[in-house]
Amino acid sequence: MPERTVLDASDIRRAVRRMSHEILESAKGLDDLVILGIPTRGVYLARRIAGAIGEIEGREVPCGSLDITLYRDDLRLREVRALEPTSIPAVGIDGRVVVLVDDVLYSGRTIRAALDALADVGRPAAVRLAALVDRGHRELPIRPDFIGKNLPTSQGETVRVHLTEIDDEDSVMIRQVDQ
């Protein structure tokens, strides 16, 4: 089965803008807000969200990245991959509302790893989760606070997010995988 597009560039732009407004409303301002993207595509989405919030509020939002590679519970099952940089904004995360941003929420295991990694960096007042796509099939009791698109899928489908920063286009594709 060929890939089909479920979100195009304008859909992604709208979703990011809507999530940015929701995050801002939930945080009740910028004073304690920090946005951290989970590599790879979560980092670019986090930057877009921080940029959109910055445009709305007229000031910069602390934004960084959080590598979770060494915290994954499937390290021995996957190919070795290079560590991505963790970049915590100068304001830190202690006592702040941290919004973790990822491209696709699936089993919840990536977010569990992110929570473990975050605990090694500091102690936020609260942690929220933003995902461009929530495809279901959770294995852990984790749910996003801000969702770009709920996309019910079967276990035999894959969801690929493409972002212009690394893929030269913005789209979300779904494809049936041979089983």
Protein backbone atom coordinates (compact mmCIF):
# COMPACT_ATOMS: atom_id res chain seq x y z
CA MET A 1 0.00 0.00 0.00
CA PRO A 2 1.46 3.39 -0.91
CA GLU A 3 1.95 6.16 1.58
CA ARG A 4 -0.85 8.63 1.96
CA THR A 5 -0.66 12.15 3.29
CA VAL A 6 -2.71 12.82 6.41
CA LEU A 7 -1.32 16.29 7.14
CA ASP A 8 0.19 18.70 4.63
CA ALA A 9 2.29 21.79 5.30
CA SER A 10 -0.68 24.07 5.98
CA ASP A 11 -2.24 21.48 8.34
CA ILE A 12 1.03 21.26 10.30
CA ARG A 13 1.32 25.05 10.43
CA ARG A 14 -2.23 25.33 11.82
CA ALA A 15 -1.64 22.52 14.33
CA VAL A 16 1.56 24.15 15.62
CA ARG A 17 -0.18 27.51 15.92
CA ARG A 18 -3.16 25.99 17.77
CA MET A 19 -0.92 24.01 20.15
CA SER A 20 1.10 27.18 20.79
CA HIS A 21 -2.04 29.06 21.83
CA GLU A 22 -3.14 26.14 24.03
CA ILE A 23 0.28 25.94 25.71
CA LEU A 24 0.32 29.68 26.34
CA GLU A 25 -3.19 29.62 27.78
CA SER A 26 -2.41 26.62 29.99
CA ALA A 27 0.84 28.16 31.27
CA LYS A 28 -0.89 31.48 32.04
CA GLY A 29 2.01 33.40 30.53
CA LEU A 30 5.68 32.93 29.80
CA ASP A 31 7.35 33.60 33.13
CA ASP A 32 7.92 29.97 34.09
CA LEU A 33 7.61 28.28 30.69
CA VAL A 34 10.39 26.19 29.10
CA ILE A 35 9.93 24.15 25.92
CA LEU A 36 12.14 21.10 25.25
CA GLY A 37 12.07 19.07 22.06
CA ILE A 38 12.89 15.38 21.90
CA PRO A 39 15.32 14.70 19.03
CA THR A 40 15.07 14.62 16.19
CA ARG A 41 11.86 16.11 14.85
CA GLY A 42 10.55 17.10 18.28
CA VAL A 43 13.37 19.64 18.51
CA TYR A 44 12.24 21.39 15.32
CA LEU A 45 8.61 21.31 16.42
CA ALA A 46 9.62 22.76 19.80
CA ARG A 47 11.42 25.60 18.03
CA ARG A 48 8.35 26.28 15.90
CA ILE A 49 6.09 26.30 18.96
CA ALA A 50 8.47 28.55 20.88
CA GLY A 51 8.65 30.87 17.88
CA ALA A 52 4.85 31.03 17.56
CA ILE A 53 4.44 31.74 21.28
CA GLY A 54 7.18 34.36 21.04
CA GLU A 55 5.32 36.07 18.18
CA ILE A 56 2.08 36.07 20.16
CA GLU A 57 3.68 37.43 23.35
CA GLY A 58 6.36 39.61 21.79
CA ARG A 59 9.25 38.01 23.66
CA GLU A 60 11.44 34.96 23.43
CA VAL A 61 10.46 31.64 24.98
CA PRO A 62 13.25 29.49 26.49
CA CYS A 63 13.60 26.48 24.21
CA GLY A 64 16.03 23.58 24.10
CA SER A 65 16.39 19.86 23.46
CA LEU A 66 16.50 16.75 25.61
CA ASP A 67 18.28 13.65 24.32
CA ILE A 68 16.71 10.49 25.70
CA THR A 69 18.83 7.89 23.92
CA LEU A 70 20.56 6.47 27.02
CA TYR A 71 17.27 6.34 28.94
CA ARG A 72 15.43 4.13 26.43
CA ASP A 73 14.40 0.65 27.56
CA ASP A 74 15.03 -0.78 24.08
CA LEU A 75 18.69 0.19 23.65
CA ARG A 76 19.82 -3.41 23.21
CA LEU A 77 17.08 -4.06 20.64
CA ARG A 78 17.94 -1.17 18.32
CA GLU A 79 20.90 -0.27 16.17
CA VAL A 80 23.50 1.90 17.85
CA ARG A 81 22.79 5.56 17.22
CA ALA A 82 24.71 8.71 17.93
CA LEU A 83 23.71 10.76 20.92
CA GLU A 84 21.90 13.99 20.14
CA PRO A 85 22.73 17.15 22.06
CA THR A 86 20.82 18.05 25.20
CA SER A 87 20.49 21.80 25.36
CA ILE A 88 18.82 23.22 28.45
CA PRO A 89 18.08 26.96 28.27
CA ALA A 90 20.11 29.19 30.60
CA VAL A 91 17.06 29.73 32.84
CA GLY A 92 17.13 26.00 33.66
CA ILE A 93 14.10 23.88 34.41
CA ASP A 94 13.92 23.92 38.22
CA GLY A 95 10.54 25.19 39.36
CA ARG A 96 9.38 25.83 35.80
CA VAL A 97 6.63 24.39 33.63
CA VAL A 98 8.40 22.23 31.05
CA VAL A 99 6.61 21.30 27.86
CA LEU A 100 8.14 18.23 26.23
CA VAL A 101 7.56 18.17 22.47
CA ASP A 102 7.66 15.08 20.26
CA ASP A 103 6.49 14.39 16.73
CA VAL A 104 4.58 11.12 17.20
CA LEU A 105 3.20 9.66 20.42
CA TYR A 106 2.81 5.91 20.16
CA SER A 107 3.59 3.48 23.00
CA GLY A 108 4.62 6.15 25.50
CA ARG A 109 8.05 4.64 26.05
CA THR A 110 9.90 7.61 24.52
CA ILE A 111 8.12 9.94 26.93
CA ARG A 112 8.92 7.67 29.88
CA ALA A 113 12.57 7.89 28.86
CA ALA A 114 12.24 11.68 28.54
CA LEU A 115 10.85 11.94 32.07
CA ASP A 116 13.83 9.94 33.37
CA ALA A 117 16.26 12.16 31.44
CA LEU A 118 14.49 15.29 32.69
CA ALA A 119 14.84 14.13 36.31
CA ASP A 120 18.62 14.01 35.83
CA VAL A 121 18.64 17.64 34.63
CA GLY A 122 16.47 19.27 37.28
CA ARG A 123 13.13 19.40 39.05
CA PRO A 124 10.38 21.17 37.11
CA ALA A 125 7.24 22.43 38.83
CA ALA A 126 5.20 20.57 36.19
CA VAL A 127 5.77 18.67 32.96
CA ARG A 128 3.36 18.84 30.03
CA LEU A 129 3.44 16.91 26.77
CA ALA A 130 2.84 18.20 23.26
CA ALA A 131 2.72 15.80 20.30
CA LEU A 132 2.08 16.66 16.69
CA VAL A 133 0.46 13.24 16.16
CA ASP A 134 -1.12 10.91 18.70
CA ARG A 135 -1.53 7.55 17.00
CA GLY A 136 -2.74 5.56 20.02
CA HIS A 137 -1.56 2.09 21.11
CA ARG A 138 -0.20 3.25 24.46
CA GLU A 139 1.74 0.72 26.54
CA LEU A 140 2.21 3.13 29.46
CA PRO A 141 -0.24 5.47 31.21
CA ILE A 142 0.92 8.57 29.33
CA ARG A 143 -1.28 11.03 27.48
CA PRO A 144 -0.50 14.29 25.72
CA ASP A 145 -1.75 17.64 27.01
CA PHE A 146 -1.52 19.27 23.58
CA ILE A 147 -2.19 17.34 20.36
CA GLY A 148 -1.85 18.48 16.77
CA LYS A 149 -3.83 15.54 15.34
CA ASN A 150 -5.36 12.38 16.78
CA LEU A 151 -4.64 9.74 14.17
CA PRO A 152 -6.08 6.31 14.98
CA THR A 153 -3.85 3.70 13.40
CA SER A 154 -3.47 -0.04 13.30
CA GLN A 155 -0.36 -1.76 14.63
CA GLY A 156 0.50 -2.58 11.01
CA GLU A 157 0.82 1.06 9.99
CA THR A 158 3.71 3.47 10.32
CA VAL A 159 3.46 7.22 10.70
CA ARG A 160 6.26 9.40 9.31
CA VAL A 161 6.59 13.08 10.06
CA HIS A 162 8.55 15.11 7.52
CA LEU A 163 9.75 18.60 8.46
CA THR A 164 11.38 21.06 6.11
CA GLU A 165 14.35 21.57 8.42
CA ILE A 166 15.60 18.05 7.68
CA ASP A 167 13.26 16.50 5.09
CA ASP A 168 12.74 19.46 2.71
CA GLU A 169 8.95 19.29 3.18
CA ASP A 170 6.29 19.42 5.87
CA SER A 171 3.94 16.45 5.87
CA VAL A 172 2.67 13.55 7.92
CA MET A 173 2.42 10.29 6.02
CA ILE A 174 0.86 6.98 6.94
CA ARG A 175 1.71 3.65 5.35
CA GLN A 176 0.71 0.03 5.81
CA VAL A 177 3.73 -2.09 6.70
CA ASP A 178 4.09 -5.61 5.34
CA GLN A 179 3.63 -8.06 8.16
